[in-house]
Amino acid sequence: MGLRINDVIPNLTVETDLGTISLHEWIGDSWAILFSHPKDFTPVCTTEFGAVARLAEEWEKRGCKVIGVSVDGVEDHRKWKGDIEKVAGSAAGFPIIADAGLVVSKAFDMLPAEAYLPDGRTPNDSATVRSVFIIGPDKQLKLSMTYPMTVGRNFAEVLRALDALQTTSRNGVATPADWTVGQDVIIPASLSDADAEAKFGSFEKVLPYLRKTSLKG
């Protein structure tokens, strides 16, 4: 059975370049992002880890921890961080899980149960380990995205999605397409017009089932 939205993520104990981590304990009361890569010292992945490193202040502002996963060992991760920091122009202070045994990759349904790493493997042997998982403080999976080998992830979109998840969770609303912080949100269809007005004040009724309002404060 694969990992689905609102499932509690596996509480794995993993080895990282920064020491041993129990995932649930590490998340604590924070939001978390787990982003995975099929191999160290690969070009697209290096630029992505660099992008995550440059966004350290943005993750912190949102109360979100980040952790990488790569299907290589701890010593490779430590060496690779030198390249990542050169590309990023800043420190990569987040941990990277050493998933050479594919435990995390299989538990998060990125690889099938029978997958293994052959001798002389290439990134293609673990190609689908190219995902982003956003996890709430309740340890539930809130959002996942999977990319092909050739397409670098847009971490501005990951930030936008995190903002949307935090906003909808905090305020009991939904967000429209392309929403960013400060724009109008959508009132849930489960609320009557009277209840919507009592909760949110004035709102715009675009369609009987599409009502928009601004969040105060």
C-alpha atoms as a PDB file:
ATOM      1  CA  MET A   1       0.000   0.000   0.000  1.00  0.00           C
ATOM      2  CA  GLY A   2       1.413   3.368  -1.013  1.00  0.00           C
ATOM      3  CA  LEU A   3       1.616   6.482   1.128  1.00  0.00           C
ATOM      4  CA  ARG A   4      -1.403   8.708   0.513  1.00  0.00           C
ATOM      5  CA  ILE A   5      -2.467  12.213   1.513  1.00  0.00           C
ATOM      6  CA  ASN A   6      -3.423  12.339   5.239  1.00  0.00           C
ATOM      7  CA  ASP A   7      -1.581   9.089   6.002  1.00  0.00           C
ATOM      8  CA  VAL A   8       0.784   9.275   8.969  1.00  0.00           C
ATOM      9  CA  ILE A   9       4.310   8.943   7.611  1.00  0.00           C
ATOM     10  CA  PRO A  10       6.437   5.986   8.762  1.00  0.00           C
ATOM     11  CA  ASN A  11       8.315   6.714  11.975  1.00  0.00           C
ATOM     12  CA  LEU A  12      11.666   5.518  10.689  1.00  0.00           C
ATOM     13  CA  THR A  13      14.997   5.821  12.453  1.00  0.00           C
ATOM     14  CA  VAL A  14      17.515   6.887   9.825  1.00  0.00           C
ATOM     15  CA  GLU A  15      21.200   7.676   9.514  1.00  0.00           C
ATOM     16  CA  THR A  16      22.107  11.110   8.176  1.00  0.00           C
ATOM     17  CA  ASP A  17      25.278  13.122   7.683  1.00  0.00           C
ATOM     18  CA  LEU A  18      24.314  14.930  10.913  1.00  0.00           C
ATOM     19  CA  GLY A  19      23.686  11.803  12.981  1.00  0.00           C
ATOM     20  CA  THR A  20      20.843   9.374  13.736  1.00  0.00           C
ATOM     21  CA  ILE A  21      17.314  10.766  13.470  1.00  0.00           C
ATOM     22  CA  SER A  22      13.873   9.403  14.374  1.00  0.00           C
ATOM     23  CA  LEU A  23      11.566  11.082  11.862  1.00  0.00           C
ATOM     24  CA  HIS A  24       8.585  11.751  14.157  1.00  0.00           C
ATOM     25  CA  GLU A  25      10.802  13.043  16.942  1.00  0.00           C
ATOM     26  CA  TRP A  26      12.790  15.187  14.503  1.00  0.00           C
ATOM     27  CA  ILE A  27       9.602  16.779  13.096  1.00  0.00           C
ATOM     28  CA  GLY A  28       8.269  17.508  16.583  1.00  0.00           C
ATOM     29  CA  ASP A  29       5.690  20.312  16.426  1.00  0.00           C
ATOM     30  CA  SER A  30       7.025  21.681  13.139  1.00  0.00           C
ATOM     31  CA  TRP A  31       6.063  21.322   9.527  1.00  0.00           C
ATOM     32  CA  ALA A  32       8.594  19.339   7.525  1.00  0.00           C
ATOM     33  CA  ILE A  33       9.679  18.787   3.949  1.00  0.00           C
ATOM     34  CA  LEU A  34      11.405  15.592   2.859  1.00  0.00           C
ATOM     35  CA  PHE A  35      12.905  15.825  -0.632  1.00  0.00           C
ATOM     36  CA  SER A  36      14.557  12.868  -2.294  1.00  0.00           C
ATOM     37  CA  HIS A  37      17.278  12.283  -4.874  1.00  0.00           C
ATOM     38  CA  PRO A  38      18.480   9.143  -6.679  1.00  0.00           C
ATOM     39  CA  LYS A  39      22.222   9.761  -6.327  1.00  0.00           C
ATOM     40  CA  ASP A  40      24.850  12.122  -4.957  1.00  0.00           C
ATOM     41  CA  PHE A  41      27.165  14.091  -7.279  1.00  0.00           C
ATOM     42  CA  THR A  42      24.573  14.458 -10.046  1.00  0.00           C
ATOM     43  CA  PRO A  43      23.985  17.793 -11.794  1.00  0.00           C
ATOM     44  CA  VAL A  44      20.246  18.449 -11.415  1.00  0.00           C
ATOM     45  CA  CYS A  45      20.177  17.212  -7.814  1.00  0.00           C
ATOM     46  CA  THR A  46      23.120  19.420  -6.864  1.00  0.00           C
ATOM     47  CA  THR A  47      21.315  22.537  -8.117  1.00  0.00           C
ATOM     48  CA  GLU A  48      18.186  21.490  -6.205  1.00  0.00           C
ATOM     49  CA  PHE A  49      19.998  20.946  -2.920  1.00  0.00           C
ATOM     50  CA  GLY A  50      21.625  24.329  -3.498  1.00  0.00           C
ATOM     51  CA  ALA A  51      18.209  25.934  -3.936  1.00  0.00           C
ATOM     52  CA  VAL A  52      17.025  24.407  -0.656  1.00  0.00           C
ATOM     53  CA  ALA A  53      20.140  25.694   1.119  1.00  0.00           C
ATOM     54  CA  ARG A  54      19.583  29.257  -0.150  1.00  0.00           C
ATOM     55  CA  LEU A  55      16.018  29.199   1.220  1.00  0.00           C
ATOM     56  CA  ALA A  56      17.080  28.456   4.816  1.00  0.00           C
ATOM     57  CA  GLU A  57      15.566  31.695   6.161  1.00  0.00           C
ATOM     58  CA  GLU A  58      12.295  31.063   4.328  1.00  0.00           C
ATOM     59  CA  TRP A  59      11.913  27.583   5.832  1.00  0.00           C
ATOM     60  CA  GLU A  60      12.666  28.966   9.277  1.00  0.00           C
ATOM     61  CA  LYS A  61      10.093  31.778   8.921  1.00  0.00           C
ATOM     62  CA  ARG A  62       7.441  29.172   8.206  1.00  0.00           C
ATOM     63  CA  GLY A  63       8.425  26.884  11.073  1.00  0.00           C
ATOM     64  CA  CYS A  64       9.382  24.182   8.589  1.00  0.00           C
ATOM     65  CA  LYS A  65      12.295  21.753   8.820  1.00  0.00           C
ATOM     66  CA  VAL A  66      13.828  20.273   5.665  1.00  0.00           C
ATOM     67  CA  ILE A  67      15.583  16.950   5.227  1.00  0.00           C
ATOM     68  CA  GLY A  68      17.069  15.394   2.108  1.00  0.00           C
ATOM     69  CA  VAL A  69      17.174  11.749   1.072  1.00  0.00           C
ATOM     70  CA  SER A  70      19.702  10.258  -1.310  1.00  0.00           C
ATOM     71  CA  VAL A  71      20.418   6.637  -2.078  1.00  0.00           C
ATOM     72  CA  ASP A  72      24.082   6.893  -1.086  1.00  0.00           C
ATOM     73  CA  GLY A  73      26.052   6.695   2.150  1.00  0.00           C
ATOM     74  CA  VAL A  74      26.855   9.207   4.867  1.00  0.00           C
ATOM     75  CA  GLU A  75      30.439   9.838   3.760  1.00  0.00           C
ATOM     76  CA  ASP A  76      29.319  10.588   0.199  1.00  0.00           C
ATOM     77  CA  HIS A  77      26.728  13.017   1.587  1.00  0.00           C
ATOM     78  CA  ARG A  78      29.379  14.866   3.584  1.00  0.00           C
ATOM     79  CA  LYS A  79      31.626  15.193   0.547  1.00  0.00           C
ATOM     80  CA  TRP A  80      28.729  16.175  -1.709  1.00  0.00           C
ATOM     81  CA  LYS A  81      27.752  19.008   0.619  1.00  0.00           C
ATOM     82  CA  GLY A  82      30.934  20.805  -0.423  1.00  0.00           C
ATOM     83  CA  ASP A  83      29.671  20.885  -4.011  1.00  0.00           C
ATOM     84  CA  ILE A  84      26.169  21.859  -2.881  1.00  0.00           C
ATOM     85  CA  GLU A  85      27.487  24.783  -0.863  1.00  0.00           C
ATOM     86  CA  LYS A  86      29.675  25.911  -3.766  1.00  0.00           C
ATOM     87  CA  VAL A  87      26.617  25.990  -6.055  1.00  0.00           C
ATOM     88  CA  ALA A  88      24.381  27.563  -3.400  1.00  0.00           C
ATOM     89  CA  GLY A  89      26.823  30.155  -2.151  1.00  0.00           C
ATOM     90  CA  SER A  90      25.568  29.357   1.345  1.00  0.00           C
ATOM     91  CA  ALA A  91      25.725  26.627   3.969  1.00  0.00           C
ATOM     92  CA  ALA A  92      23.639  23.457   3.606  1.00  0.00           C
ATOM     93  CA  GLY A  93      22.694  22.999   7.239  1.00  0.00           C
ATOM     94  CA  PHE A  94      19.929  20.452   6.755  1.00  0.00           C
ATOM     95  CA  PRO A  95      20.493  16.695   7.201  1.00  0.00           C
ATOM     96  CA  ILE A  96      20.623  14.232   4.306  1.00  0.00           C
ATOM     97  CA  ILE A  97      19.400  10.694   4.947  1.00  0.00           C
ATOM     98  CA  ALA A  98      21.682   7.877   3.798  1.00  0.00           C
ATOM     99  CA  ASP A  99      19.198   5.509   2.161  1.00  0.00           C
ATOM    100  CA  ALA A 100      21.553   2.973   0.568  1.00  0.00           C
ATOM    101  CA  GLY A 101      19.283   0.191   1.854  1.00  0.00           C
ATOM    102  CA  LEU A 102      16.260   1.855   0.171  1.00  0.00           C
ATOM    103  CA  VAL A 103      14.238   1.697   3.403  1.00  0.00           C
ATOM    104  CA  VAL A 104      12.957   5.279   3.117  1.00  0.00           C
ATOM    105  CA  SER A 105      12.508   5.087  -0.653  1.00  0.00           C
ATOM    106  CA  LYS A 106      10.296   2.012  -0.305  1.00  0.00           C
ATOM    107  CA  ALA A 107       8.416   3.208   2.796  1.00  0.00           C
ATOM    108  CA  PHE A 108       7.477   6.417   0.977  1.00  0.00           C
ATOM    109  CA  ASP A 109       6.424   4.427  -2.109  1.00  0.00           C
ATOM    110  CA  MET A 110       9.086   5.892  -4.393  1.00  0.00           C
ATOM    111  CA  LEU A 111      10.436   2.452  -5.311  1.00  0.00           C
ATOM    112  CA  PRO A 112       8.750  -0.967  -5.412  1.00  0.00           C
ATOM    113  CA  ALA A 113       9.370  -3.466  -2.625  1.00  0.00           C
ATOM    114  CA  GLU A 114      11.564  -5.635  -4.860  1.00  0.00           C
ATOM    115  CA  ALA A 115      13.891  -2.776  -5.900  1.00  0.00           C
ATOM    116  CA  TYR A 116      17.617  -3.092  -5.207  1.00  0.00           C
ATOM    117  CA  LEU A 117      20.807  -1.251  -6.104  1.00  0.00           C
ATOM    118  CA  PRO A 118      22.981  -3.224  -8.537  1.00  0.00           C
ATOM    119  CA  ASP A 119      26.752  -3.013  -8.620  1.00  0.00           C
ATOM    120  CA  GLY A 120      27.879  -0.085 -10.733  1.00  0.00           C
ATOM    121  CA  ARG A 121      24.441   1.446 -10.540  1.00  0.00           C
ATOM    122  CA  THR A 122      23.500   4.706 -12.225  1.00  0.00           C
ATOM    123  CA  PRO A 123      20.857   7.272 -11.212  1.00  0.00           C
ATOM    124  CA  ASN A 124      18.440   5.481 -13.559  1.00  0.00           C
ATOM    125  CA  ASP A 125      18.327   2.545 -11.142  1.00  0.00           C
ATOM    126  CA  SER A 126      16.624   4.774  -8.572  1.00  0.00           C
ATOM    127  CA  ALA A 127      15.103   7.315 -10.935  1.00  0.00           C
ATOM    128  CA  THR A 128      11.738   7.689  -9.193  1.00  0.00           C
ATOM    129  CA  VAL A 129      13.429   8.760  -5.967  1.00  0.00           C
ATOM    130  CA  ARG A 130      12.735  12.337  -7.122  1.00  0.00           C
ATOM    131  CA  SER A 131       9.915  13.460  -4.868  1.00  0.00           C
ATOM    132  CA  VAL A 132       8.891  16.186  -2.446  1.00  0.00           C
ATOM    133  CA  PHE A 133       6.775  15.373   0.620  1.00  0.00           C
ATOM    134  CA  ILE A 134       5.273  18.115   2.797  1.00  0.00           C
ATOM    135  CA  ILE A 135       4.372  16.811   6.247  1.00  0.00           C
ATOM    136  CA  GLY A 136       2.294  18.519   8.938  1.00  0.00           C
ATOM    137  CA  PRO A 137       3.003  18.752  12.679  1.00  0.00           C
ATOM    138  CA  ASP A 138       0.507  15.880  13.057  1.00  0.00           C
ATOM    139  CA  LYS A 139       3.004  13.748  11.079  1.00  0.00           C
ATOM    140  CA  GLN A 140       0.483  13.340   8.254  1.00  0.00           C
ATOM    141  CA  LEU A 141       1.436  13.642   4.597  1.00  0.00           C
ATOM    142  CA  LYS A 142      -0.147  16.847   3.272  1.00  0.00           C
ATOM    143  CA  LEU A 143       1.239  17.029  -0.277  1.00  0.00           C
ATOM    144  CA  SER A 144       3.566  15.121  -2.575  1.00  0.00           C
ATOM    145  CA  MET A 145       5.119  15.831  -5.973  1.00  0.00           C
ATOM    146  CA  THR A 146       7.266  13.547  -8.127  1.00  0.00           C
ATOM    147  CA  TYR A 147       9.508  14.744 -10.938  1.00  0.00           C
ATOM    148  CA  PRO A 148      11.427  13.018 -13.743  1.00  0.00           C
ATOM    149  CA  MET A 149      15.215  12.929 -13.834  1.00  0.00           C
ATOM    150  CA  THR A 150      15.570  15.766 -16.335  1.00  0.00           C
ATOM    151  CA  VAL A 151      13.388  18.442 -14.714  1.00  0.00           C
ATOM    152  CA  GLY A 152      14.693  20.449 -11.781  1.00  0.00           C
ATOM    153  CA  ARG A 153      12.151  21.189  -9.084  1.00  0.00           C
ATOM    154  CA  ASN A 154      10.762  24.692  -8.612  1.00  0.00           C
ATOM    155  CA  PHE A 155      11.266  25.420  -4.921  1.00  0.00           C
ATOM    156  CA  ALA A 156       9.366  28.689  -5.236  1.00  0.00           C
ATOM    157  CA  GLU A 157       6.352  26.465  -5.926  1.00  0.00           C
ATOM    158  CA  VAL A 158       7.213  24.270  -2.941  1.00  0.00           C
ATOM    159  CA  LEU A 159       7.229  27.411  -0.773  1.00  0.00           C
ATOM    160  CA  ARG A 160       3.936  28.562  -2.299  1.00  0.00           C
ATOM    161  CA  ALA A 161       2.367  25.168  -1.637  1.00  0.00           C
ATOM    162  CA  LEU A 162       3.640  25.224   1.951  1.00  0.00           C
ATOM    163  CA  ASP A 163       2.126  28.696   2.428  1.00  0.00           C
ATOM    164  CA  ALA A 164      -1.179  27.439   1.049  1.00  0.00           C
ATOM    165  CA  LEU A 165      -1.184  24.370   3.285  1.00  0.00           C
ATOM    166  CA  GLN A 166      -0.428  26.408   6.374  1.00  0.00           C
ATOM    167  CA  THR A 167      -3.063  29.013   5.481  1.00  0.00           C
ATOM    168  CA  THR A 168      -5.807  26.491   4.795  1.00  0.00           C
ATOM    169  CA  SER A 169      -4.976  24.503   7.908  1.00  0.00           C
ATOM    170  CA  ARG A 170      -4.961  27.595  10.118  1.00  0.00           C
ATOM    171  CA  ASN A 171      -8.088  29.271   8.713  1.00  0.00           C
ATOM    172  CA  GLY A 172     -10.374  26.506   7.470  1.00  0.00           C
ATOM    173  CA  VAL A 173     -10.383  27.763   3.873  1.00  0.00           C
ATOM    174  CA  ALA A 174      -9.199  26.644   0.443  1.00  0.00           C
ATOM    175  CA  THR A 175      -6.967  28.458  -2.044  1.00  0.00           C
ATOM    176  CA  PRO A 176      -7.617  29.039  -5.751  1.00  0.00           C
ATOM    177  CA  ALA A 177      -5.254  28.332  -8.634  1.00  0.00           C
ATOM    178  CA  ASP A 178      -1.993  30.280  -8.537  1.00  0.00           C
ATOM    179  CA  TRP A 179      -2.763  31.650  -5.057  1.00  0.00           C
ATOM    180  CA  THR A 180      -0.063  33.480  -3.133  1.00  0.00           C
ATOM    181  CA  VAL A 181      -0.036  34.981   0.360  1.00  0.00           C
ATOM    182  CA  GLY A 182      -2.282  38.048   0.643  1.00  0.00           C
ATOM    183  CA  GLN A 183      -4.691  37.065  -2.127  1.00  0.00           C
ATOM    184  CA  ASP A 184      -8.328  36.118  -1.581  1.00  0.00           C
ATOM    185  CA  VAL A 185      -9.133  32.610  -0.429  1.00  0.00           C
ATOM    186  CA  ILE A 186     -12.098  30.325  -1.086  1.00  0.00           C
ATOM    187  CA  ILE A 187     -14.826  29.718   1.486  1.00  0.00           C
ATOM    188  CA  PRO A 188     -15.608  26.009   1.901  1.00  0.00           C
ATOM    189  CA  ALA A 189     -18.852  24.866   0.260  1.00  0.00           C
ATOM    190  CA  SER A 190     -19.828  23.230   3.548  1.00  0.00           C
ATOM    191  CA  LEU A 191     -20.551  26.674   5.050  1.00  0.00           C
ATOM    192  CA  SER A 192     -23.865  28.396   4.372  1.00  0.00           C
ATOM    193  CA  ASP A 193     -23.826  32.016   3.240  1.00  0.00           C
ATOM    194  CA  ALA A 194     -24.949  33.086   6.709  1.00  0.00           C
ATOM    195  CA  ASP A 195     -22.244  31.059   8.436  1.00  0.00           C
ATOM    196  CA  ALA A 196     -19.647  32.298   5.941  1.00  0.00           C
ATOM    197  CA  GLU A 197     -20.569  35.904   6.660  1.00  0.00           C
ATOM    198  CA  ALA A 198     -20.480  35.300  10.406  1.00  0.00           C
ATOM    199  CA  LYS A 199     -17.006  33.740  10.154  1.00  0.00           C
ATOM    200  CA  PHE A 200     -15.356  35.804   7.444  1.00  0.00           C
ATOM    201  CA  GLY A 201     -17.428  38.975   7.077  1.00  0.00           C
ATOM    202  CA  SER A 202     -18.146  40.190   3.567  1.00  0.00           C
ATOM    203  CA  PHE A 203     -17.361  37.922   0.629  1.00  0.00           C
ATOM    204  CA  GLU A 204     -17.668  37.801  -3.155  1.00  0.00           C
ATOM    205  CA  LYS A 205     -20.017  35.210  -4.641  1.00  0.00           C
ATOM    206  CA  VAL A 206     -18.504  34.447  -8.045  1.00  0.00           C
ATOM    207  CA  LEU A 207     -20.748  31.382  -8.480  1.00  0.00           C
ATOM    208  CA  PRO A 208     -23.195  29.756  -6.059  1.00  0.00           C
ATOM    209  CA  TYR A 209     -20.424  27.337  -5.087  1.00  0.00           C
ATOM    210  CA  LEU A 210     -17.427  29.689  -5.526  1.00  0.00           C
ATOM    211  CA  ARG A 211     -17.166  32.334  -2.837  1.00  0.00           C
ATOM    212  CA  LYS A 212     -14.039  34.374  -2.206  1.00  0.00           C
ATOM    213  CA  THR A 213     -12.984  36.428   0.783  1.00  0.00           C
ATOM    214  CA  SER A 214      -9.906  38.087   2.194  1.00  0.00           C
ATOM    215  CA  LEU A 215      -8.309  36.997   5.437  1.00  0.00           C
ATOM    216  CA  LYS A 216      -8.140  39.742   8.017  1.00  0.00           C
ATOM    217  CA  GLY A 217      -4.805  40.322   9.702  1.00  0.00           C
END
